[in-house]
């Protein structure tokens, strides 16, 4: 149907600091997808959540960007992910939104996870990204951003939030609750894609990837602790109808962010 968006979420293990191995592994995962509009991969999908930024960083013309261009064109679908990028002497946990025609947009992670010293190895982003696809407006964010509702706030500017993550199993409760909260409070679909397995520090990940509708109901079937590629169709018509029938956006508090 018009303005439906088919999203494929890829929940998988990530090989620790193995860029080539992960590109091959996720390439095989993409082969399982027959047809969709958007493919969502986990945060730092080529390395895992490593703080070895200077050793593992790539440029914006590196092998992973070339891989994304090739796979996006091959699947005729947009792909969103993040990786370690070096630019102008700084390092970023950078989200890349790649299109089949080779054009792309980027977002640098705003909230750096200080409990793992991410703020000491990466530079902070300052601007949100809103991407348009098939009549949809989507705001893609990264992992720890999920804990900050002001940064996720919908000022009638988007229809879906995406969170890509390396979110540990030990805190899976907040991940599940906050995905639903962001959907409800913003009246948007929320797509959360998290990794599986253990990283090089021994941290375990349950996945718990999910697609949540604007009422806070999980509409995906992906299970925890299980490798999975699942495609879910989102309805812009249903979203707009819900917003008209229950227009909480008319009563939101107005404020201005001061950095």
Protein backbone atom coordinates (compact mmCIF):
# COMPACT_ATOMS: atom_id res chain seq x y z
CA UNK A 1 0.00 0.00 0.00
CA UNK A 2 1.00 3.61 -0.53
CA UNK A 3 3.27 4.98 2.22
CA UNK A 4 3.80 1.58 3.81
CA UNK A 5 7.44 1.09 4.79
CA UNK A 6 8.96 -2.38 4.91
CA UNK A 7 11.81 -2.48 7.44
CA UNK A 8 14.20 -5.41 7.86
CA UNK A 9 15.96 -5.71 11.23
CA UNK A 10 19.15 -7.76 11.53
CA UNK A 11 19.89 -9.14 15.00
CA UNK A 12 23.24 -10.90 15.04
CA UNK A 13 26.51 -11.59 16.79
CA UNK A 14 29.41 -9.26 15.96
CA UNK A 15 32.97 -10.57 15.68
CA UNK A 16 35.22 -8.58 17.97
CA UNK A 17 37.29 -5.96 16.10
CA UNK A 18 37.13 -8.00 12.88
CA UNK A 19 36.04 -5.65 10.11
CA UNK A 20 36.52 -8.04 7.20
CA UNK A 21 34.87 -10.93 9.03
CA UNK A 22 31.86 -8.84 9.97
CA UNK A 23 31.41 -7.46 6.47
CA UNK A 24 31.30 -11.03 5.16
CA UNK A 25 28.99 -12.17 7.97
CA UNK A 26 26.50 -9.34 7.55
CA UNK A 27 26.68 -9.69 3.79
CA UNK A 28 25.38 -13.23 4.26
CA UNK A 29 22.62 -11.90 6.52
CA UNK A 30 21.56 -9.40 3.86
CA UNK A 31 21.29 -12.28 1.38
CA UNK A 32 18.36 -13.56 3.47
CA UNK A 33 16.34 -10.41 2.73
CA UNK A 34 14.19 -10.74 -0.37
CA UNK A 35 12.61 -7.30 -0.66
CA UNK A 36 12.35 -4.28 1.64
CA UNK A 37 12.75 -0.52 1.79
CA UNK A 38 15.11 -0.18 4.75
CA UNK A 39 17.66 -2.48 6.40
CA UNK A 40 18.77 -1.76 9.98
CA UNK A 41 22.06 -3.14 11.35
CA UNK A 42 23.43 -2.84 14.93
CA UNK A 43 25.72 -0.11 16.26
CA UNK A 44 29.42 -0.52 15.33
CA UNK A 45 28.52 -3.57 13.28
CA UNK A 46 32.04 -4.02 11.89
CA UNK A 47 33.93 -4.03 15.20
CA UNK A 48 31.67 -4.31 18.22
CA UNK A 49 31.69 -1.57 20.86
CA UNK A 50 35.46 -1.10 20.86
CA UNK A 51 37.31 1.88 22.31
CA UNK A 52 40.30 1.27 20.02
CA UNK A 53 39.19 4.13 17.84
CA UNK A 54 42.62 5.09 16.51
CA UNK A 55 43.39 1.51 15.45
CA UNK A 56 40.04 0.59 13.93
CA UNK A 57 38.79 3.84 12.40
CA UNK A 58 38.01 4.09 8.69
CA UNK A 59 37.58 7.09 6.45
CA UNK A 60 34.40 8.06 4.64
CA UNK A 61 35.90 6.50 1.52
CA UNK A 62 36.98 3.29 3.27
CA UNK A 63 36.02 -0.34 2.72
CA UNK A 64 32.85 -0.25 4.85
CA UNK A 65 31.41 2.75 3.01
CA UNK A 66 32.13 0.99 -0.29
CA UNK A 67 30.49 -2.18 1.07
CA UNK A 68 27.41 -0.18 2.10
CA UNK A 69 27.13 1.39 -1.35
CA UNK A 70 27.38 -1.99 -3.05
CA UNK A 71 24.91 -3.74 -0.75
CA UNK A 72 22.39 -0.90 -0.80
CA UNK A 73 22.41 -0.89 -4.60
CA UNK A 74 22.22 -4.69 -4.75
CA UNK A 75 19.26 -4.89 -2.34
CA UNK A 76 17.66 -1.71 -3.71
CA UNK A 77 17.12 -0.65 -0.11
CA UNK A 78 18.43 2.00 2.24
CA UNK A 79 20.81 0.68 4.93
CA UNK A 80 21.44 2.26 8.34
CA UNK A 81 24.29 1.27 10.67
CA UNK A 82 27.20 2.81 12.57
CA UNK A 83 30.97 2.39 12.49
CA UNK A 84 34.16 4.03 13.75
CA UNK A 85 35.13 6.96 11.54
CA UNK A 86 38.23 9.18 11.52
CA UNK A 87 37.71 12.70 10.20
CA UNK A 88 39.85 15.82 10.58
CA UNK A 89 41.90 14.22 13.32
CA UNK A 90 38.88 13.21 15.39
CA UNK A 91 37.05 9.91 15.89
CA UNK A 92 33.31 9.40 15.75
CA UNK A 93 30.79 6.66 16.40
CA UNK A 94 29.08 7.62 13.17
CA UNK A 95 25.71 6.46 11.91
CA UNK A 96 25.54 6.18 8.13
CA UNK A 97 22.28 6.14 6.19
CA UNK A 98 23.11 4.77 2.75
CA UNK A 99 20.80 4.90 -0.29
CA UNK A 100 20.81 2.64 -3.38
CA UNK A 101 22.04 5.52 -5.57
CA UNK A 102 25.18 5.86 -3.45
CA UNK A 103 24.19 9.05 -1.66
CA UNK A 104 24.22 9.01 2.12
CA UNK A 105 23.68 11.05 5.26
CA UNK A 106 25.37 10.80 8.65
CA UNK A 107 24.76 11.35 12.34
CA UNK A 108 27.48 11.38 15.00
CA UNK A 109 26.45 9.85 18.33
CA UNK A 110 25.43 12.60 20.72
CA UNK A 111 25.47 10.80 24.07
CA UNK A 112 28.76 9.00 24.56
CA UNK A 113 28.66 6.17 27.09
CA UNK A 114 31.05 7.41 29.78
CA UNK A 115 30.72 4.23 31.84
CA UNK A 116 32.81 2.60 29.10
CA UNK A 117 34.94 5.75 28.56
CA UNK A 118 33.46 6.31 25.12
CA UNK A 119 33.74 10.07 25.70
CA UNK A 120 37.52 9.71 26.01
CA UNK A 121 37.93 7.96 22.67
CA UNK A 122 35.28 9.60 20.48
CA UNK A 123 34.05 13.12 19.75
CA UNK A 124 30.46 14.04 20.48
CA UNK A 125 27.90 14.84 17.78
CA UNK A 126 25.81 18.00 17.92
CA UNK A 127 23.00 17.67 15.37
CA UNK A 128 20.13 15.25 14.90
CA UNK A 129 19.38 13.78 11.51
CA UNK A 130 15.96 13.47 9.90
CA UNK A 131 15.84 11.28 6.78
CA UNK A 132 12.98 11.09 4.30
CA UNK A 133 12.06 7.82 2.60
CA UNK A 134 8.82 6.96 0.79
CA UNK A 135 6.95 9.83 2.44
CA UNK A 136 8.28 8.91 5.91
CA UNK A 137 10.42 11.13 8.12
CA UNK A 138 12.78 9.10 10.30
CA UNK A 139 15.14 10.11 13.10
CA UNK A 140 17.97 7.57 13.57
CA UNK A 141 19.88 7.55 16.88
CA UNK A 142 22.48 5.40 18.62
CA UNK A 143 22.25 3.24 21.76
CA UNK A 144 22.83 5.48 24.84
CA UNK A 145 20.78 8.23 23.11
CA UNK A 146 17.74 6.13 24.07
CA UNK A 147 18.07 7.22 27.71
CA UNK A 148 17.63 10.91 26.86
CA UNK A 149 14.01 11.80 26.02
CA UNK A 150 14.76 15.44 25.18
CA UNK A 151 17.14 14.39 22.39
CA UNK A 152 14.48 11.95 21.12
CA UNK A 153 11.68 14.51 21.36
CA UNK A 154 9.34 14.68 18.38
CA UNK A 155 8.41 18.25 17.51
CA UNK A 156 6.10 17.04 14.74
CA UNK A 157 9.23 16.48 12.66
CA UNK A 158 9.34 12.69 12.26
CA UNK A 159 7.23 9.52 12.06
CA UNK A 160 9.69 6.92 13.34
CA UNK A 161 12.70 6.65 15.63
CA UNK A 162 15.49 4.15 15.05
CA UNK A 163 17.92 3.10 17.76
CA UNK A 164 20.88 0.92 16.78
CA UNK A 165 22.76 -0.50 19.74
CA UNK A 166 25.30 -2.60 21.59
CA UNK A 167 23.08 -2.68 24.69
CA UNK A 168 24.22 -5.22 27.34
CA UNK A 169 22.09 -8.10 28.56
CA UNK A 170 22.55 -6.87 32.14
CA UNK A 171 20.43 -3.81 31.33
CA UNK A 172 17.91 -5.37 28.98
CA UNK A 173 14.98 -4.22 31.16
CA UNK A 174 15.59 -0.49 30.55
CA UNK A 175 16.13 -1.15 26.82
CA UNK A 176 12.73 -2.82 26.49
CA UNK A 177 10.91 -0.24 28.62
CA UNK A 178 12.49 2.83 27.03
CA UNK A 179 11.79 1.69 23.46
CA UNK A 180 8.09 1.55 24.36
CA UNK A 181 8.24 4.86 26.23
CA UNK A 182 9.79 6.68 23.28
CA UNK A 183 7.09 5.30 20.96
CA UNK A 184 4.25 6.32 23.26
CA UNK A 185 5.48 9.78 24.24
CA UNK A 186 6.39 10.76 20.67
CA UNK A 187 3.50 9.01 18.86
CA UNK A 188 5.89 7.32 16.45
CA UNK A 189 7.03 3.86 15.45
CA UNK A 190 10.26 2.84 17.16
CA UNK A 191 12.75 0.41 15.64
CA UNK A 192 15.40 -0.90 18.04
CA UNK A 193 18.17 -3.17 16.72
CA UNK A 194 20.65 -4.66 19.17
CA UNK A 195 23.46 -7.20 18.84
CA UNK A 196 23.94 -10.71 20.25
CA UNK A 197 26.83 -12.70 21.69
CA UNK A 198 29.77 -11.51 23.77
CA UNK A 199 32.29 -8.80 22.97
CA UNK A 200 36.03 -8.81 23.62
CA UNK A 201 35.48 -7.48 27.13
CA UNK A 202 33.22 -10.41 28.03
CA UNK A 203 30.03 -8.31 27.95
CA UNK A 204 26.98 -10.35 26.92
CA UNK A 205 24.15 -9.13 24.71
CA UNK A 206 20.61 -10.51 24.50
CA UNK A 207 19.43 -8.72 21.37
CA UNK A 208 15.84 -7.89 22.28
CA UNK A 209 15.51 -6.12 18.94
CA UNK A 210 11.98 -4.88 18.43
CA UNK A 211 9.62 -2.76 16.40
CA UNK A 212 7.11 -0.88 18.56
CA UNK A 213 3.98 0.85 17.25
CA UNK A 214 2.86 4.33 18.44
CA UNK A 215 0.63 2.76 21.11
CA UNK A 216 3.64 1.06 22.68
CA UNK A 217 2.82 -2.42 21.39
CA UNK A 218 5.56 -4.67 20.02
CA UNK A 219 4.65 -5.71 16.46
CA UNK A 220 7.81 -7.67 15.60
CA UNK A 221 8.51 -11.33 16.44
CA UNK A 222 12.30 -11.36 16.84
CA UNK A 223 13.28 -13.32 19.96
CA UNK A 224 16.07 -12.61 22.43
CA UNK A 225 19.32 -14.62 22.17
CA UNK A 226 18.47 -15.72 18.63
CA UNK A 227 20.05 -14.67 15.34
CA UNK A 228 17.28 -13.31 13.20
CA UNK A 229 16.45 -11.32 10.09
CA UNK A 230 12.86 -10.08 10.24
CA UNK A 231 10.89 -7.76 7.94
CA UNK A 232 8.02 -5.68 9.35
CA UNK A 233 5.67 -3.37 7.46
CA UNK A 234 4.90 0.02 9.01
CA UNK A 235 1.73 1.90 8.06
CA UNK A 236 1.84 5.68 7.78
CA UNK A 237 -1.94 5.71 7.30
CA UNK A 238 -2.47 3.97 10.64
CA UNK A 239 -0.01 6.31 12.34
CA UNK A 240 -1.69 9.46 11.04
CA UNK A 241 -5.13 8.11 11.89
CA UNK A 242 -4.03 7.44 15.48
CA UNK A 243 -2.55 10.92 15.78
CA UNK A 244 -5.81 12.48 14.59
CA UNK A 245 -7.95 10.44 17.00
CA UNK A 246 -5.62 10.98 19.96
CA UNK A 247 -3.85 14.34 19.32
CA UNK A 248 -1.62 14.60 22.39
CA UNK A 249 0.83 16.59 20.29
CA UNK A 250 -1.45 19.60 20.61
CA UNK A 251 -0.71 19.77 24.34
CA UNK A 252 3.06 19.26 24.46
CA UNK A 253 5.19 21.61 26.53
CA UNK A 254 7.22 24.09 24.51
CA UNK A 255 10.90 24.54 25.29
CA UNK A 256 14.18 25.43 23.65
CA UNK A 257 17.37 23.39 23.92
CA UNK A 258 20.49 25.22 25.09
CA UNK A 259 23.70 23.29 24.47
